[in-house]
Amino acid sequence: MTAEPIAVVVACAEAGRQTLLPLAVPAGCRAWEAVERSGILARHPAIDAAACGVGIFGVEVPRGRVLAAGDRVEVLRPLPEDPRVRRRRLAREGRSMGARSAGRG
């Protein structure tokens, strides 16, 4: 008896562009396997698959994590610069990251 497929969404984002692909995968499918099955990286050729991680709803997980129905599988690109290091550098330069604080209107 074959298990019913489960529905997941595979997501990938670059600056100014995001792709979300709904996908039906077999039960027991692993996170990176879903990324490969979706073909999403062909739509984002600038992304180096070997350097990427994988996440489910924004939380990094091992590539071999078994998926559950409804999971949003995300391709996680490496950060170009550690955010803490960037904040310190910008502070030294007298600039900010551009985010508005809660107290500002």
PDB file of N, CA and C in Angstrom:
ATOM      1  N   MET A   1       0.843  -1.180   0.000  1.00  0.00           N
ATOM      2  CA  MET A   1       0.000   0.000   0.000  1.00  0.00           C
ATOM      3  C   MET A   1       0.886   1.241   0.000  1.00  0.00           C
ATOM      4  N   THR A   2       0.626   2.171  -0.904  1.00  0.00           N
ATOM      5  CA  THR A   2       1.412   3.387  -1.025  1.00  0.00           C
ATOM      6  C   THR A   2       0.776   4.500  -0.208  1.00  0.00           C
ATOM      7  N   ALA A   3       1.626   5.237   0.522  1.00  0.00           N
ATOM      8  CA  ALA A   3       1.119   6.353   1.316  1.00  0.00           C
ATOM      9  C   ALA A   3       0.666   7.484   0.402  1.00  0.00           C
ATOM     10  N   GLU A   4      -0.320   8.218   0.849  1.00  0.00           N
ATOM     11  CA  GLU A   4      -0.816   9.375   0.099  1.00  0.00           C
ATOM     12  C   GLU A   4       0.247  10.462   0.067  1.00  0.00           C
ATOM     13  N   PRO A   5       0.331  11.210  -1.027  1.00  0.00           N
ATOM     14  CA  PRO A   5       1.276  12.326  -1.069  1.00  0.00           C
ATOM     15  C   PRO A   5       0.863  13.417  -0.081  1.00  0.00           C
ATOM     16  N   ILE A   6       1.833  14.203   0.337  1.00  0.00           N
ATOM     17  CA  ILE A   6       1.556  15.331   1.225  1.00  0.00           C
ATOM     18  C   ILE A   6       1.837  16.624   0.468  1.00  0.00           C
ATOM     19  N   ALA A   7       1.144  17.683   0.841  1.00  0.00           N
ATOM     20  CA  ALA A   7       1.313  18.990   0.195  1.00  0.00           C
ATOM     21  C   ALA A   7       2.284  19.828   1.018  1.00  0.00           C
ATOM     22  N   VAL A   8       3.280  20.397   0.344  1.00  0.00           N
ATOM     23  CA  VAL A   8       4.236  21.320   0.964  1.00  0.00           C
ATOM     24  C   VAL A   8       4.410  22.499   0.015  1.00  0.00           C
ATOM     25  N   VAL A   9       5.098  23.519   0.477  1.00  0.00           N
ATOM     26  CA  VAL A   9       5.451  24.661  -0.358  1.00  0.00           C
ATOM     27  C   VAL A   9       6.961  24.810  -0.281  1.00  0.00           C
ATOM     28  N   VAL A  10       7.600  25.025  -1.425  1.00  0.00           N
ATOM     29  CA  VAL A  10       9.042  25.255  -1.464  1.00  0.00           C
ATOM     30  C   VAL A  10       9.249  26.727  -1.811  1.00  0.00           C
ATOM     31  N   ALA A  11      10.097  27.410  -1.020  1.00  0.00           N
ATOM     32  CA  ALA A  11      10.319  28.840  -1.188  1.00  0.00           C
ATOM     33  C   ALA A  11      11.794  29.143  -1.381  1.00  0.00           C
ATOM     34  N   CYS A  12      12.053  30.145  -2.224  1.00  0.00           N
ATOM     35  CA  CYS A  12      13.413  30.608  -2.449  1.00  0.00           C
ATOM     36  C   CYS A  12      13.337  32.107  -2.719  1.00  0.00           C
ATOM     37  N   ALA A  13      14.262  32.875  -2.143  1.00  0.00           N
ATOM     38  CA  ALA A  13      14.225  34.320  -2.329  1.00  0.00           C
ATOM     39  C   ALA A  13      15.611  34.873  -2.608  1.00  0.00           C
ATOM     40  N   GLU A  14      15.617  35.869  -3.454  1.00  0.00           N
ATOM     41  CA  GLU A  14      16.803  36.673  -3.727  1.00  0.00           C
ATOM     42  C   GLU A  14      16.378  38.120  -3.527  1.00  0.00           C
ATOM     43  N   ALA A  15      17.314  39.030  -3.552  1.00  0.00           N
ATOM     44  CA  ALA A  15      16.976  40.448  -3.403  1.00  0.00           C
ATOM     45  C   ALA A  15      15.941  40.838  -4.454  1.00  0.00           C
ATOM     46  N   GLY A  16      14.779  41.295  -3.997  1.00  0.00           N
ATOM     47  CA  GLY A  16      13.752  41.766  -4.903  1.00  0.00           C
ATOM     48  C   GLY A  16      12.933  40.699  -5.602  1.00  0.00           C
ATOM     49  N   ARG A  17      13.131  39.417  -5.256  1.00  0.00           N
ATOM     50  CA  ARG A  17      12.408  38.358  -5.966  1.00  0.00           C
ATOM     51  C   ARG A  17      12.229  37.145  -5.068  1.00  0.00           C
ATOM     52  N   GLN A  18      11.028  36.628  -5.045  1.00  0.00           N
ATOM     53  CA  GLN A  18      10.734  35.435  -4.250  1.00  0.00           C
ATOM     54  C   GLN A  18       9.895  34.483  -5.094  1.00  0.00           C
ATOM     55  N   THR A  19      10.177  33.191  -4.947  1.00  0.00           N
ATOM     56  CA  THR A  19       9.402  32.173  -5.646  1.00  0.00           C
ATOM     57  C   THR A  19       8.834  31.208  -4.610  1.00  0.00           C
ATOM     58  N   LEU A  20       7.538  30.946  -4.707  1.00  0.00           N
ATOM     59  CA  LEU A  20       6.855  29.964  -3.857  1.00  0.00           C
ATOM     60  C   LEU A  20       6.219  28.930  -4.784  1.00  0.00           C
ATOM     61  N   LEU A  21       6.559  27.671  -4.579  1.00  0.00           N
ATOM     62  CA  LEU A  21       6.015  26.610  -5.426  1.00  0.00           C
ATOM     63  C   LEU A  21       5.289  25.572  -4.580  1.00  0.00           C
ATOM     64  N   PRO A  22       3.971  25.425  -4.752  1.00  0.00           N
ATOM     65  CA  PRO A  22       3.270  24.330  -4.080  1.00  0.00           C
ATOM     66  C   PRO A  22       3.697  23.012  -4.723  1.00  0.00           C
ATOM     67  N   LEU A  23       3.815  21.988  -3.897  1.00  0.00           N
ATOM     68  CA  LEU A  23       4.338  20.718  -4.387  1.00  0.00           C
ATOM     69  C   LEU A  23       3.710  19.567  -3.608  1.00  0.00           C
ATOM     70  N   ALA A  24       3.364  18.510  -4.304  1.00  0.00           N
ATOM     71  CA  ALA A  24       2.913  17.275  -3.659  1.00  0.00           C
ATOM     72  C   ALA A  24       4.094  16.314  -3.681  1.00  0.00           C
ATOM     73  N   VAL A  25       4.474  15.829  -2.515  1.00  0.00           N
ATOM     74  CA  VAL A  25       5.612  14.918  -2.392  1.00  0.00           C
ATOM     75  C   VAL A  25       5.159  13.652  -1.679  1.00  0.00           C
ATOM     76  N   PRO A  26       5.864  12.554  -1.889  1.00  0.00           N
ATOM     77  CA  PRO A  26       5.482  11.336  -1.180  1.00  0.00           C
ATOM     78  C   PRO A  26       5.735  11.473   0.320  1.00  0.00           C
ATOM     79  N   ALA A  27       4.911  10.845   1.117  1.00  0.00           N
ATOM     80  CA  ALA A  27       5.137  10.821   2.560  1.00  0.00           C
ATOM     81  C   ALA A  27       6.542  10.267   2.810  1.00  0.00           C
ATOM     82  N   GLY A  28       7.249  10.846   3.743  1.00  0.00           N
ATOM     83  CA  GLY A  28       8.615  10.418   4.028  1.00  0.00           C
ATOM     84  C   GLY A  28       9.653  11.209   3.252  1.00  0.00           C
ATOM     85  N   CYS A  29       9.210  12.139   2.401  1.00  0.00           N
ATOM     86  CA  CYS A  29      10.131  12.963   1.618  1.00  0.00           C
ATOM     87  C   CYS A  29      10.964  13.835   2.563  1.00  0.00           C
ATOM     88  N   ARG A  30      12.208  14.035   2.212  1.00  0.00           N
ATOM     89  CA  ARG A  30      13.124  14.837   3.024  1.00  0.00           C
ATOM     90  C   ARG A  30      13.182  16.265   2.485  1.00  0.00           C
ATOM     91  N   ALA A  31      13.603  17.186   3.342  1.00  0.00           N
ATOM     92  CA  ALA A  31      13.555  18.615   3.018  1.00  0.00           C
ATOM     93  C   ALA A  31      14.312  18.947   1.729  1.00  0.00           C
ATOM     94  N   TRP A  32      15.572  18.529   1.626  1.00  0.00           N
ATOM     95  CA  TRP A  32      16.326  18.904   0.431  1.00  0.00           C
ATOM     96  C   TRP A  32      15.815  18.172  -0.808  1.00  0.00           C
ATOM     97  N   GLU A  33      15.278  16.988  -0.610  1.00  0.00           N
ATOM     98  CA  GLU A  33      14.685  16.253  -1.725  1.00  0.00           C
ATOM     99  C   GLU A  33      13.522  17.054  -2.315  1.00  0.00           C
ATOM    100  N   ALA A  34      12.731  17.700  -1.461  1.00  0.00           N
ATOM    101  CA  ALA A  34      11.620  18.525  -1.942  1.00  0.00           C
ATOM    102  C   ALA A  34      12.139  19.717  -2.743  1.00  0.00           C
ATOM    103  N   VAL A  35      13.243  20.315  -2.282  1.00  0.00           N
ATOM    104  CA  VAL A  35      13.845  21.427  -3.030  1.00  0.00           C
ATOM    105  C   VAL A  35      14.240  20.942  -4.421  1.00  0.00           C
ATOM    106  N   GLU A  36      14.892  19.791  -4.483  1.00  0.00           N
ATOM    107  CA  GLU A  36      15.331  19.255  -5.774  1.00  0.00           C
ATOM    108  C   GLU A  36      14.147  18.892  -6.670  1.00  0.00           C
ATOM    109  N   ARG A  37      13.125  18.257  -6.107  1.00  0.00           N
ATOM    110  CA  ARG A  37      11.950  17.864  -6.887  1.00  0.00           C
ATOM    111  C   ARG A  37      11.222  19.079  -7.453  1.00  0.00           C
ATOM    112  N   SER A  38      11.236  20.181  -6.710  1.00  0.00           N
ATOM    113  CA  SER A  38      10.492  21.370  -7.128  1.00  0.00           C
ATOM    114  C   SER A  38      11.112  22.051  -8.344  1.00  0.00           C
ATOM    115  N   GLY A  39      12.432  21.901  -8.533  1.00  0.00           N
ATOM    116  CA  GLY A  39      13.114  22.598  -9.614  1.00  0.00           C
ATOM    117  C   GLY A  39      13.287  24.087  -9.352  1.00  0.00           C
ATOM    118  N   ILE A  40      13.086  24.512  -8.126  1.00  0.00           N
ATOM    119  CA  ILE A  40      13.121  25.934  -7.797  1.00  0.00           C
ATOM    120  C   ILE A  40      14.491  26.566  -8.035  1.00  0.00           C
ATOM    121  N   LEU A  41      15.557  25.804  -7.863  1.00  0.00           N
ATOM    122  CA  LEU A  41      16.892  26.381  -8.052  1.00  0.00           C
ATOM    123  C   LEU A  41      17.175  26.700  -9.522  1.00  0.00           C
ATOM    124  N   ALA A  42      16.479  26.054 -10.444  1.00  0.00           N
ATOM    125  CA  ALA A  42      16.625  26.403 -11.858  1.00  0.00           C
ATOM    126  C   ALA A  42      16.050  27.786 -12.132  1.00  0.00           C
ATOM    127  N   ARG A  43      15.107  28.212 -11.302  1.00  0.00           N
ATOM    128  CA  ARG A  43      14.525  29.556 -11.435  1.00  0.00           C
ATOM    129  C   ARG A  43      15.399  30.625 -10.775  1.00  0.00           C
ATOM    130  N   HIS A  44      16.370  30.178  -9.988  1.00  0.00           N
ATOM    131  CA  HIS A  44      17.284  31.082  -9.288  1.00  0.00           C
ATOM    132  C   HIS A  44      18.722  30.612  -9.553  1.00  0.00           C
ATOM    133  N   PRO A  45      19.199  30.727 -10.796  1.00  0.00           N
ATOM    134  CA  PRO A  45      20.505  30.170 -11.144  1.00  0.00           C
ATOM    135  C   PRO A  45      21.688  30.830 -10.440  1.00  0.00           C
ATOM    136  N   ALA A  46      21.507  32.012  -9.895  1.00  0.00           N
ATOM    137  CA  ALA A  46      22.608  32.690  -9.204  1.00  0.00           C
ATOM    138  C   ALA A  46      22.884  32.084  -7.825  1.00  0.00           C
ATOM    139  N   ILE A  47      21.980  31.248  -7.343  1.00  0.00           N
ATOM    140  CA  ILE A  47      22.135  30.665  -6.014  1.00  0.00           C
ATOM    141  C   ILE A  47      22.939  29.377  -6.101  1.00  0.00           C
ATOM    142  N   ASP A  48      23.971  29.277  -5.273  1.00  0.00           N
ATOM    143  CA  ASP A  48      24.829  28.095  -5.202  1.00  0.00           C
ATOM    144  C   ASP A  48      24.201  27.086  -4.243  1.00  0.00           C
ATOM    145  N   ALA A  49      23.647  26.018  -4.771  1.00  0.00           N
ATOM    146  CA  ALA A  49      22.947  25.026  -3.954  1.00  0.00           C
ATOM    147  C   ALA A  49      23.852  24.422  -2.886  1.00  0.00           C
ATOM    148  N   ALA A  50      25.126  24.238  -3.203  1.00  0.00           N
ATOM    149  CA  ALA A  50      26.051  23.623  -2.241  1.00  0.00           C
ATOM    150  C   ALA A  50      26.271  24.508  -1.021  1.00  0.00           C
ATOM    151  N   ALA A  51      26.097  25.825  -1.175  1.00  0.00           N
ATOM    152  CA  ALA A  51      26.345  26.753  -0.070  1.00  0.00           C
ATOM    153  C   ALA A  51      25.089  27.032   0.750  1.00  0.00           C
ATOM    154  N   CYS A  52      23.951  26.509   0.297  1.00  0.00           N
ATOM    155  CA  CYS A  52      22.679  26.816   0.952  1.00  0.00           C
ATOM    156  C   CYS A  52      22.310  25.782   1.999  1.00  0.00           C
ATOM    157  N   GLY A  53      21.556  26.262   2.968  1.00  0.00           N
ATOM    158  CA  GLY A  53      20.939  25.386   3.941  1.00  0.00           C
ATOM    159  C   GLY A  53      19.470  25.242   3.579  1.00  0.00           C
ATOM    160  N   VAL A  54      18.740  24.584   4.457  1.00  0.00           N
ATOM    161  CA  VAL A  54      17.308  24.418   4.247  1.00  0.00           C
ATOM    162  C   VAL A  54      16.608  24.684   5.569  1.00  0.00           C
ATOM    163  N   GLY A  55      15.444  25.321   5.479  1.00  0.00           N
ATOM    164  CA  GLY A  55      14.682  25.622   6.681  1.00  0.00           C
ATOM    165  C   GLY A  55      13.230  25.249   6.489  1.00  0.00           C
ATOM    166  N   ILE A  56      12.542  25.123   7.607  1.00  0.00           N
ATOM    167  CA  ILE A  56      11.101  24.911   7.591  1.00  0.00           C
ATOM    168  C   ILE A  56      10.504  26.038   8.422  1.00  0.00           C
ATOM    169  N   PHE A  57       9.685  26.849   7.766  1.00  0.00           N
ATOM    170  CA  PHE A  57       9.097  28.034   8.394  1.00  0.00           C
ATOM    171  C   PHE A  57      10.162  28.898   9.069  1.00  0.00           C
ATOM    172  N   GLY A  58      11.297  29.103   8.403  1.00  0.00           N
ATOM    173  CA  GLY A  58      12.326  30.009   8.884  1.00  0.00           C
ATOM    174  C   GLY A  58      13.292  29.441   9.904  1.00  0.00           C
ATOM    175  N   VAL A  59      13.141  28.197  10.272  1.00  0.00           N
ATOM    176  CA  VAL A  59      14.045  27.558  11.238  1.00  0.00           C
ATOM    177  C   VAL A  59      14.927  26.571  10.474  1.00  0.00           C
ATOM    178  N   GLU A  60      16.241  26.761  10.563  1.00  0.00           N
ATOM    179  CA  GLU A  60      17.146  25.870   9.840  1.00  0.00           C
ATOM    180  C   GLU A  60      17.037  24.451  10.381  1.00  0.00           C
ATOM    181  N   VAL A  61      16.982  23.504   9.453  1.00  0.00           N
ATOM    182  CA  VAL A  61      16.878  22.080   9.789  1.00  0.00           C
ATOM    183  C   VAL A  61      17.889  21.315   8.940  1.00  0.00           C
ATOM    184  N   PRO A  62      18.209  20.093   9.317  1.00  0.00           N
ATOM    185  CA  PRO A  62      19.087  19.278   8.467  1.00  0.00           C
ATOM    186  C   PRO A  62      18.418  18.999   7.123  1.00  0.00           C
ATOM    187  N   ARG A  63      19.221  18.857   6.079  1.00  0.00           N
ATOM    188  CA  ARG A  63      18.682  18.585   4.739  1.00  0.00           C
ATOM    189  C   ARG A  63      17.858  17.299   4.717  1.00  0.00           C
ATOM    190  N   GLY A  64      18.157  16.370   5.605  1.00  0.00           N
ATOM    191  CA  GLY A  64      17.472  15.081   5.641  1.00  0.00           C
ATOM    192  C   GLY A  64      16.228  15.057   6.498  1.00  0.00           C
ATOM    193  N   ARG A  65      15.772  16.191   6.995  1.00  0.00           N
ATOM    194  CA  ARG A  65      14.584  16.243   7.846  1.00  0.00           C
ATOM    195  C   ARG A  65      13.360  15.772   7.071  1.00  0.00           C
ATOM    196  N   VAL A  66      12.606  14.860   7.649  1.00  0.00           N
ATOM    197  CA  VAL A  66      11.380  14.336   7.024  1.00  0.00           C
ATOM    198  C   VAL A  66      10.293  15.404   7.135  1.00  0.00           C
ATOM    199  N   LEU A  67       9.602  15.636   6.032  1.00  0.00           N
ATOM    200  CA  LEU A  67       8.583  16.683   5.979  1.00  0.00           C
ATOM    201  C   LEU A  67       7.230  16.206   6.486  1.00  0.00           C
ATOM    202  N   ALA A  68       6.460  17.169   6.957  1.00  0.00           N
ATOM    203  CA  ALA A  68       5.073  16.932   7.344  1.00  0.00           C
ATOM    204  C   ALA A  68       4.179  17.721   6.400  1.00  0.00           C
ATOM    205  N   ALA A  69       2.946  17.298   6.274  1.00  0.00           N
ATOM    206  CA  ALA A  69       1.997  18.003   5.415  1.00  0.00           C
ATOM    207  C   ALA A  69       1.895  19.460   5.846  1.00  0.00           C
ATOM    208  N   GLY A  70       1.924  20.367   4.866  1.00  0.00           N
ATOM    209  CA  GLY A  70       1.785  21.791   5.146  1.00  0.00           C
ATOM    210  C   GLY A  70       3.084  22.518   5.417  1.00  0.00           C
ATOM    211  N   ASP A  71       4.216  21.804   5.467  1.00  0.00           N
ATOM    212  CA  ASP A  71       5.502  22.461   5.724  1.00  0.00           C
ATOM    213  C   ASP A  71       5.838  23.444   4.610  1.00  0.00           C
ATOM    214  N   ARG A  72       6.479  24.554   4.991  1.00  0.00           N
ATOM    215  CA  ARG A  72       7.037  25.498   4.016  1.00  0.00           C
ATOM    216  C   ARG A  72       8.540  25.303   4.066  1.00  0.00           C
ATOM    217  N   VAL A  73       9.077  24.719   3.013  1.00  0.00           N
ATOM    218  CA  VAL A  73      10.503  24.400   2.926  1.00  0.00           C
ATOM    219  C   VAL A  73      11.193  25.591   2.262  1.00  0.00           C
ATOM    220  N   GLU A  74      12.214  26.142   2.928  1.00  0.00           N
ATOM    221  CA  GLU A  74      12.869  27.344   2.434  1.00  0.00           C
ATOM    222  C   GLU A  74      14.340  27.092   2.136  1.00  0.00           C
ATOM    223  N   VAL A  75      14.791  27.594   0.996  1.00  0.00           N
ATOM    224  CA  VAL A  75      16.213  27.551   0.659  1.00  0.00           C
ATOM    225  C   VAL A  75      16.857  28.717   1.420  1.00  0.00           C
ATOM    226  N   LEU A  76      17.821  28.414   2.271  1.00  0.00           N
ATOM    227  CA  LEU A  76      18.473  29.438   3.089  1.00  0.00           C
ATOM    228  C   LEU A  76      19.835  29.772   2.503  1.00  0.00           C
ATOM    229  N   ARG A  77      19.946  30.984   1.978  1.00  0.00           N
ATOM    230  CA  ARG A  77      21.219  31.432   1.408  1.00  0.00           C
ATOM    231  C   ARG A  77      22.128  31.914   2.530  1.00  0.00           C
ATOM    232  N   PRO A  78      23.440  31.767   2.355  1.00  0.00           N
ATOM    233  CA  PRO A  78      24.354  32.297   3.378  1.00  0.00           C
ATOM    234  C   PRO A  78      24.269  33.822   3.398  1.00  0.00           C
ATOM    235  N   LEU A  79      24.407  34.399   4.581  1.00  0.00           N
ATOM    236  CA  LEU A  79      24.390  35.857   4.702  1.00  0.00           C
ATOM    237  C   LEU A  79      25.692  36.426   4.150  1.00  0.00           C
ATOM    238  N   PRO A  80      25.618  37.533   3.417  1.00  0.00           N
ATOM    239  CA  PRO A  80      26.847  38.128   2.893  1.00  0.00           C
ATOM    240  C   PRO A  80      27.724  38.700   4.005  1.00  0.00           C
ATOM    241  N   GLU A  81      27.092  39.060   5.128  1.00  0.00           N
ATOM    242  CA  GLU A  81      27.827  39.629   6.259  1.00  0.00           C
ATOM    243  C   GLU A  81      27.025  39.360   7.522  1.00  0.00           C
ATOM    244  N   ASP A  82      27.711  39.008   8.600  1.00  0.00           N
ATOM    245  CA  ASP A  82      27.053  38.774   9.874  1.00  0.00           C
ATOM    246  C   ASP A  82      26.330  40.057  10.293  1.00  0.00           C
ATOM    247  N   PRO A  83      25.031  39.993  10.622  1.00  0.00           N
ATOM    248  CA  PRO A  83      24.288  41.210  10.977  1.00  0.00           C
ATOM    249  C   PRO A  83      24.889  41.969  12.154  1.00  0.00           C
ATOM    250  N   ARG A  84      25.453  41.273  13.123  1.00  0.00           N
ATOM    251  CA  ARG A  84      26.063  41.960  14.273  1.00  0.00           C
ATOM    252  C   ARG A  84      27.287  42.745  13.836  1.00  0.00           C
ATOM    253  N   VAL A  85      28.092  42.140  12.975  1.00  0.00           N
ATOM    254  CA  VAL A  85      29.283  42.817  12.463  1.00  0.00           C
ATOM    255  C   VAL A  85      28.862  44.025  11.629  1.00  0.00           C
ATOM    256  N   ARG A  86      27.822  43.863  10.822  1.00  0.00           N
ATOM    257  CA  ARG A  86      27.346  44.969   9.994  1.00  0.00           C
ATOM    258  C   ARG A  86      26.847  46.126  10.843  1.00  0.00           C
ATOM    259  N   ARG A  87      26.063  45.834  11.894  1.00  0.00           N
ATOM    260  CA  ARG A  87      25.572  46.901  12.777  1.00  0.00           C
ATOM    261  C   ARG A  87      26.725  47.671  13.396  1.00  0.00           C
ATOM    262  N   ARG A  88      27.744  46.943  13.863  1.00  0.00           N
ATOM    263  CA  ARG A  88      28.903  47.622  14.464  1.00  0.00           C
ATOM    264  C   ARG A  88      29.617  48.499  13.441  1.00  0.00           C
ATOM    265  N   ARG A  89      29.796  47.967  12.229  1.00  0.00           N
ATOM    266  CA  ARG A  89      30.474  48.736  11.189  1.00  0.00           C
ATOM    267  C   ARG A  89      29.694  49.994  10.845  1.00  0.00           C
ATOM    268  N   LEU A  90      28.376  49.861  10.681  1.00  0.00           N
ATOM    269  CA  LEU A  90      27.561  51.021  10.361  1.00  0.00           C
ATOM    270  C   LEU A  90      27.554  52.034  11.497  1.00  0.00           C
ATOM    271  N   ALA A  91      27.537  51.553  12.743  1.00  0.00           N
ATOM    272  CA  ALA A  91      27.576  52.472  13.881  1.00  0.00           C
ATOM    273  C   ALA A  91      28.879  53.270  13.885  1.00  0.00           C
ATOM    274  N   ARG A  92      29.986  52.608  13.575  1.00  0.00           N
ATOM    275  CA  ARG A  92      31.271  53.321  13.502  1.00  0.00           C
ATOM    276  C   ARG A  92      31.238  54.392  12.416  1.00  0.00           C
ATOM    277  N   GLU A  93      30.487  54.111  11.349  1.00  0.00           N
ATOM    278  CA  GLU A  93      30.389  55.057  10.238  1.00  0.00           C
ATOM    279  C   GLU A  93      29.305  56.110  10.474  1.00  0.00           C
ATOM    280  N   GLY A  94      28.599  56.003  11.610  1.00  0.00           N
ATOM    281  CA  GLY A  94      27.541  56.960  11.918  1.00  0.00           C
ATOM    282  C   GLY A  94      26.252  56.716  11.147  1.00  0.00           C
ATOM    283  N   ARG A  95      26.045  55.489  10.680  1.00  0.00           N
ATOM    284  CA  ARG A  95      24.842  55.136   9.923  1.00  0.00           C
ATOM    285  C   ARG A  95      24.067  54.066  10.676  1.00  0.00           C
ATOM    286  N   SER A  96      22.894  53.718  10.168  1.00  0.00           N
ATOM    287  CA  SER A  96      22.116  52.628  10.754  1.00  0.00           C
ATOM    288  C   SER A  96      21.690  51.666   9.654  1.00  0.00           C
ATOM    289  N   MET A  97      21.063  50.565  10.044  1.00  0.00           N
ATOM    290  CA  MET A  97      20.627  49.566   9.073  1.00  0.00           C
ATOM    291  C   MET A  97      19.327  49.986   8.390  1.00  0.00           C
ATOM    292  N   GLY A  98      18.745  51.096   8.830  1.00  0.00           N
ATOM    293  CA  GLY A  98      17.550  51.608   8.161  1.00  0.00           C
ATOM    294  C   GLY A  98      16.242  51.153   8.762  1.00  0.00           C
ATOM    295  N   ALA A  99      16.294  50.265   9.748  1.00  0.00           N
ATOM    296  CA  ALA A  99      15.049  49.819  10.386  1.00  0.00           C
ATOM    297  C   ALA A  99      14.558  50.899  11.317  1.00  0.00           C
ATOM    298  N   ARG A 100      13.237  51.076  11.348  1.00  0.00           N
ATOM    299  CA  ARG A 100      12.664  52.076  12.244  1.00  0.00           C
ATOM    300  C   ARG A 100      12.400  51.442  13.598  1.00  0.00           C
ATOM    301  N   SER A 101      12.710  52.145  14.650  1.00  0.00           N
ATOM    302  CA  SER A 101      12.443  51.603  15.991  1.00  0.00           C
ATOM    303  C   SER A 101      10.973  51.771  16.303  1.00  0.00           C
ATOM    304  N   ALA A 102      10.493  51.027  17.301  1.00  0.00           N
ATOM    305  CA  ALA A 102       9.071  51.064  17.667  1.00  0.00           C
ATOM    306  C   ALA A 102       8.640  52.438  18.189  1.00  0.00           C
ATOM    307  N   GLY A 103       9.572  53.186  18.753  1.00  0.00           N
ATOM    308  CA  GLY A 103       9.224  54.485  19.335  1.00  0.00           C
ATOM    309  C   GLY A 103       9.200  55.632  18.344  1.00  0.00           C
ATOM    310  N   ARG A 104       9.591  55.383  17.112  1.00  0.00           N
ATOM    311  CA  ARG A 104       9.632  56.466  16.123  1.00  0.00           C
ATOM    312  C   ARG A 104       8.358  56.447  15.290  1.00  0.00           C
ATOM    313  N   GLY A 105       7.899  57.594  14.872  1.00  0.00           N
ATOM    314  CA  GLY A 105       6.672  57.648  14.084  1.00  0.00           C
ATOM    315  C   GLY A 105       6.923  58.044  12.753  1.00  0.00           C
TER     316      GLY A 105
END
